Amino acid sequence: MTTAAEDRVRVASSELAEALIALAHEQATEAARPAPVELLDVRTAAQRLGGMSRSTLYQAMTAGTVRSIRVSGRRLIPSSEIERIATSDRPRTPRRGRAA
């Protein structure tokens, strides 16, 4: 190979190495970023919990059994909390006046 061709190969391999390093850095940065949290209003969360009443859900939030946050006066529930409740092994409490 001539020196000009060798120089082109060196430059190309150097550019390729820089591009690979930049790509690896970008992928590592994206992997470190937390996934966005989906926040549900009380009505939607109650529907996703199988038609639970909003009142029951508000009671559970007040009791601390369901995590929620308040944003501009609205109660919002993370979708991860709905998944936690839906997959919980805890038996549901029967309604008053009904047989289990």
N, C-alpha and C. Protein backbone atom coordinates (compact mmCIF):
# COMPACT_ATOMS: atom_id res chain seq x y z
N MET A 1 0.84 -1.17 0.00
CA MET A 1 0.00 0.00 0.00
C MET A 1 0.89 1.24 0.00
N THR A 2 0.40 2.25 -0.64
CA THR A 2 1.15 3.50 -0.66
C THR A 2 0.88 4.27 0.62
N THR A 3 1.71 5.24 0.90
CA THR A 3 1.53 6.02 2.12
C THR A 3 0.24 6.81 2.11
N ALA A 4 -0.21 7.27 0.95
CA ALA A 4 -1.48 7.99 0.87
C ALA A 4 -2.64 7.06 1.22
N ALA A 5 -2.60 5.83 0.69
CA ALA A 5 -3.65 4.85 0.98
C ALA A 5 -3.62 4.47 2.46
N GLU A 6 -2.41 4.32 3.03
CA GLU A 6 -2.29 3.99 4.45
C GLU A 6 -2.85 5.12 5.30
N ASP A 7 -2.60 6.34 4.92
CA ASP A 7 -3.14 7.48 5.66
C ASP A 7 -4.68 7.49 5.62
N ARG A 8 -5.25 7.19 4.45
CA ARG A 8 -6.72 7.14 4.33
C ARG A 8 -7.28 6.04 5.22
N VAL A 9 -6.63 4.89 5.27
CA VAL A 9 -7.08 3.78 6.12
C VAL A 9 -7.01 4.19 7.59
N ARG A 10 -5.92 4.85 7.99
CA ARG A 10 -5.80 5.30 9.39
C ARG A 10 -6.89 6.29 9.75
N VAL A 11 -7.14 7.25 8.84
CA VAL A 11 -8.17 8.25 9.10
C VAL A 11 -9.54 7.58 9.20
N ALA A 12 -9.83 6.68 8.27
CA ALA A 12 -11.11 5.99 8.27
C ALA A 12 -11.28 5.15 9.53
N SER A 13 -10.23 4.44 9.94
CA SER A 13 -10.35 3.60 11.15
C SER A 13 -10.49 4.47 12.40
N SER A 14 -9.83 5.62 12.41
CA SER A 14 -9.96 6.53 13.53
C SER A 14 -11.37 7.09 13.62
N GLU A 15 -11.96 7.47 12.47
CA GLU A 15 -13.33 7.98 12.44
C GLU A 15 -14.32 6.90 12.87
N LEU A 16 -14.08 5.68 12.43
CA LEU A 16 -14.95 4.56 12.81
C LEU A 16 -14.88 4.33 14.31
N ALA A 17 -13.69 4.36 14.89
CA ALA A 17 -13.54 4.17 16.33
C ALA A 17 -14.26 5.27 17.10
N GLU A 18 -14.14 6.51 16.66
CA GLU A 18 -14.83 7.63 17.32
C GLU A 18 -16.35 7.46 17.24
N ALA A 19 -16.84 7.02 16.06
CA ALA A 19 -18.28 6.81 15.89
C ALA A 19 -18.78 5.70 16.80
N LEU A 20 -18.01 4.62 16.93
CA LEU A 20 -18.40 3.51 17.81
C LEU A 20 -18.41 3.94 19.28
N ILE A 21 -17.44 4.74 19.68
CA ILE A 21 -17.39 5.23 21.06
C ILE A 21 -18.59 6.13 21.33
N ALA A 22 -18.90 7.01 20.37
CA ALA A 22 -20.05 7.91 20.54
C ALA A 22 -21.35 7.11 20.63
N LEU A 23 -21.50 6.08 19.81
CA LEU A 23 -22.69 5.23 19.85
C LEU A 23 -22.81 4.50 21.18
N ALA A 24 -21.72 3.95 21.67
CA ALA A 24 -21.73 3.25 22.97
C ALA A 24 -22.09 4.22 24.09
N HIS A 25 -21.58 5.42 24.03
CA HIS A 25 -21.88 6.43 25.05
C HIS A 25 -23.37 6.79 25.00
N GLU A 26 -23.91 6.97 23.80
CA GLU A 26 -25.33 7.30 23.64
C GLU A 26 -26.22 6.19 24.19
N GLN A 27 -25.88 4.94 23.88
CA GLN A 27 -26.68 3.82 24.37
C GLN A 27 -26.61 3.71 25.88
N ALA A 28 -25.44 3.95 26.46
CA ALA A 28 -25.30 3.89 27.92
C ALA A 28 -26.11 5.00 28.57
N THR A 29 -26.12 6.18 27.97
CA THR A 29 -26.89 7.30 28.51
C THR A 29 -28.38 7.01 28.46
N GLU A 30 -28.85 6.44 27.34
CA GLU A 30 -30.27 6.11 27.21
C GLU A 30 -30.67 5.02 28.20
N ALA A 31 -29.80 4.05 28.43
CA ALA A 31 -30.11 2.96 29.36
C ALA A 31 -30.19 3.48 30.79
N ALA A 32 -29.43 4.52 31.10
CA ALA A 32 -29.42 5.05 32.46
C ALA A 32 -30.63 5.94 32.73
N ARG A 33 -31.28 6.42 31.68
CA ARG A 33 -32.44 7.28 31.84
C ARG A 33 -33.64 6.47 32.33
N PRO A 34 -34.32 6.91 33.38
CA PRO A 34 -35.49 6.16 33.84
C PRO A 34 -36.64 6.28 32.83
N ALA A 35 -37.44 5.25 32.78
CA ALA A 35 -38.60 5.27 31.89
C ALA A 35 -39.60 6.32 32.40
N PRO A 36 -40.31 6.98 31.51
CA PRO A 36 -41.30 7.95 31.95
C PRO A 36 -42.41 7.26 32.73
N VAL A 37 -42.92 7.94 33.72
CA VAL A 37 -43.97 7.39 34.57
C VAL A 37 -45.32 7.84 34.04
N GLU A 38 -46.22 6.89 33.83
CA GLU A 38 -47.57 7.23 33.41
C GLU A 38 -48.39 7.50 34.66
N LEU A 39 -49.00 8.67 34.72
CA LEU A 39 -49.84 9.03 35.85
C LEU A 39 -51.30 8.99 35.42
N LEU A 40 -52.12 8.33 36.24
CA LEU A 40 -53.54 8.17 35.92
C LEU A 40 -54.40 8.98 36.86
N ASP A 41 -55.48 9.55 36.33
CA ASP A 41 -56.42 10.21 37.23
C ASP A 41 -57.22 9.14 37.97
N VAL A 42 -57.95 9.53 38.98
CA VAL A 42 -58.63 8.57 39.85
C VAL A 42 -59.66 7.75 39.07
N ARG A 43 -60.41 8.38 38.18
CA ARG A 43 -61.42 7.67 37.40
C ARG A 43 -60.78 6.57 36.56
N THR A 44 -59.72 6.89 35.85
CA THR A 44 -59.04 5.91 34.99
C THR A 44 -58.41 4.80 35.81
N ALA A 45 -57.80 5.16 36.93
CA ALA A 45 -57.18 4.14 37.79
C ALA A 45 -58.24 3.18 38.33
N ALA A 46 -59.38 3.72 38.73
CA ALA A 46 -60.46 2.87 39.25
C ALA A 46 -60.96 1.92 38.17
N GLN A 47 -61.07 2.40 36.94
CA GLN A 47 -61.49 1.54 35.83
C GLN A 47 -60.49 0.42 35.59
N ARG A 48 -59.20 0.77 35.64
CA ARG A 48 -58.16 -0.25 35.41
C ARG A 48 -58.10 -1.27 36.53
N LEU A 49 -58.64 -0.92 37.68
CA LEU A 49 -58.68 -1.86 38.80
C LEU A 49 -59.97 -2.67 38.79
N GLY A 50 -60.54 -2.83 37.65
CA GLY A 50 -61.72 -3.69 37.51
C GLY A 50 -63.01 -3.03 37.91
N GLY A 51 -63.10 -1.73 37.75
CA GLY A 51 -64.35 -1.05 38.05
C GLY A 51 -64.52 -0.68 39.51
N MET A 52 -63.42 -0.59 40.24
CA MET A 52 -63.48 -0.14 41.64
C MET A 52 -64.12 1.25 41.67
N SER A 53 -64.87 1.55 42.71
CA SER A 53 -65.48 2.87 42.78
C SER A 53 -64.42 3.91 43.10
N ARG A 54 -64.67 5.13 42.67
CA ARG A 54 -63.73 6.22 42.96
C ARG A 54 -63.64 6.44 44.47
N SER A 55 -64.78 6.32 45.16
CA SER A 55 -64.79 6.52 46.62
C SER A 55 -63.87 5.52 47.32
N THR A 56 -63.95 4.26 46.90
CA THR A 56 -63.11 3.22 47.49
C THR A 56 -61.63 3.52 47.22
N LEU A 57 -61.34 3.99 46.02
CA LEU A 57 -59.96 4.32 45.69
C LEU A 57 -59.46 5.51 46.50
N TYR A 58 -60.31 6.53 46.68
CA TYR A 58 -59.92 7.67 47.53
C TYR A 58 -59.68 7.21 48.97
N GLN A 59 -60.51 6.30 49.47
CA GLN A 59 -60.32 5.78 50.83
C GLN A 59 -58.98 5.04 50.94
N ALA A 60 -58.64 4.27 49.91
CA ALA A 60 -57.38 3.53 49.92
C ALA A 60 -56.19 4.50 49.88
N MET A 61 -56.33 5.60 49.14
CA MET A 61 -55.25 6.59 49.09
C MET A 61 -55.11 7.27 50.45
N THR A 62 -56.23 7.59 51.08
CA THR A 62 -56.21 8.23 52.40
C THR A 62 -55.59 7.29 53.44
N ALA A 63 -55.90 6.00 53.34
CA ALA A 63 -55.36 5.00 54.28
C ALA A 63 -53.90 4.69 54.02
N GLY A 64 -53.41 5.09 52.84
CA GLY A 64 -52.01 4.84 52.52
C GLY A 64 -51.75 3.51 51.84
N THR A 65 -52.78 2.78 51.49
CA THR A 65 -52.58 1.50 50.82
C THR A 65 -52.38 1.67 49.31
N VAL A 66 -52.73 2.84 48.79
CA VAL A 66 -52.49 3.17 47.38
C VAL A 66 -51.70 4.47 47.36
N ARG A 67 -50.52 4.43 46.72
CA ARG A 67 -49.69 5.63 46.61
C ARG A 67 -50.27 6.55 45.55
N SER A 68 -50.22 7.84 45.82
CA SER A 68 -50.67 8.82 44.85
C SER A 68 -49.89 10.11 45.08
N ILE A 69 -49.97 11.00 44.11
CA ILE A 69 -49.37 12.31 44.26
C ILE A 69 -50.43 13.35 43.93
N ARG A 70 -50.21 14.55 44.42
CA ARG A 70 -51.13 15.64 44.15
C ARG A 70 -50.42 16.62 43.23
N VAL A 71 -51.06 16.91 42.10
CA VAL A 71 -50.52 17.86 41.13
C VAL A 71 -51.62 18.85 40.80
N SER A 72 -51.38 20.10 41.14
CA SER A 72 -52.36 21.17 40.87
C SER A 72 -53.74 20.81 41.40
N GLY A 73 -53.79 20.25 42.59
CA GLY A 73 -55.07 19.91 43.21
C GLY A 73 -55.67 18.60 42.75
N ARG A 74 -55.05 17.92 41.80
CA ARG A 74 -55.57 16.64 41.31
C ARG A 74 -54.77 15.50 41.93
N ARG A 75 -55.45 14.42 42.25
CA ARG A 75 -54.79 13.21 42.72
C ARG A 75 -54.45 12.37 41.50
N LEU A 76 -53.19 11.98 41.38
CA LEU A 76 -52.74 11.14 40.28
C LEU A 76 -52.05 9.91 40.84
N ILE A 77 -52.26 8.79 40.18
CA ILE A 77 -51.74 7.51 40.65
C ILE A 77 -50.81 6.96 39.58
N PRO A 78 -49.58 6.58 39.96
CA PRO A 78 -48.67 5.99 38.97
C PRO A 78 -49.22 4.65 38.47
N SER A 79 -49.06 4.40 37.17
CA SER A 79 -49.56 3.14 36.62
C SER A 79 -48.86 1.94 37.26
N SER A 80 -47.63 2.14 37.72
CA SER A 80 -46.92 1.05 38.41
C SER A 80 -47.64 0.65 39.69
N GLU A 81 -48.30 1.61 40.32
CA GLU A 81 -49.06 1.31 41.54
C GLU A 81 -50.28 0.46 41.20
N ILE A 82 -50.92 0.74 40.07
CA ILE A 82 -52.07 -0.06 39.63
C ILE A 82 -51.61 -1.49 39.35
N GLU A 83 -50.46 -1.63 38.68
CA GLU A 83 -49.92 -2.97 38.40
C GLU A 83 -49.61 -3.70 39.70
N ARG A 84 -49.05 -2.98 40.69
CA ARG A 84 -48.73 -3.60 41.98
C ARG A 84 -49.99 -4.13 42.65
N ILE A 85 -51.03 -3.33 42.64
CA ILE A 85 -52.28 -3.72 43.28
C ILE A 85 -52.92 -4.90 42.53
N ALA A 86 -52.92 -4.82 41.20
CA ALA A 86 -53.55 -5.87 40.39
C ALA A 86 -52.85 -7.21 40.54
N THR A 87 -51.54 -7.20 40.78
CA THR A 87 -50.80 -8.46 40.89
C THR A 87 -50.57 -8.86 42.34
N SER A 88 -51.14 -8.13 43.27
CA SER A 88 -50.97 -8.42 44.69
C SER A 88 -51.64 -9.74 45.05
N ASP A 89 -51.03 -10.47 45.98
CA ASP A 89 -51.58 -11.74 46.45
C ASP A 89 -52.62 -11.53 47.55
N ARG A 90 -52.76 -10.29 48.00
CA ARG A 90 -53.71 -10.02 49.07
C ARG A 90 -55.14 -10.25 48.62
N PRO A 91 -55.92 -11.01 49.39
CA PRO A 91 -57.31 -11.21 48.99
C PRO A 91 -58.10 -9.91 49.12
N ARG A 92 -59.06 -9.75 48.26
CA ARG A 92 -59.90 -8.55 48.33
C ARG A 92 -60.86 -8.68 49.49
N THR A 93 -61.11 -7.57 50.15
CA THR A 93 -62.05 -7.55 51.26
C THR A 93 -63.46 -7.59 50.70
N PRO A 94 -64.30 -8.55 51.18
CA PRO A 94 -65.68 -8.60 50.66
C PRO A 94 -66.45 -7.36 51.08
N ARG A 95 -67.40 -6.97 50.26
CA ARG A 95 -68.24 -5.82 50.58
C ARG A 95 -69.15 -6.16 51.76
N ARG A 96 -69.49 -5.12 52.48
CA ARG A 96 -70.40 -5.33 53.63
C ARG A 96 -71.74 -5.84 53.13
N GLY A 97 -72.31 -6.77 53.88
CA GLY A 97 -73.64 -7.27 53.56
C GLY A 97 -73.64 -8.33 52.48
N ARG A 98 -72.48 -8.73 51.99
CA ARG A 98 -72.45 -9.76 50.94
C ARG A 98 -71.62 -10.94 51.43
N ALA A 99 -72.02 -12.09 51.04
CA ALA A 99 -71.28 -13.30 51.42
C ALA A 99 -70.01 -13.40 50.59
N ALA A 100 -68.99 -13.96 51.21
CA ALA A 100 -67.69 -14.09 50.51
C ALA A 100 -67.70 -15.26 49.59
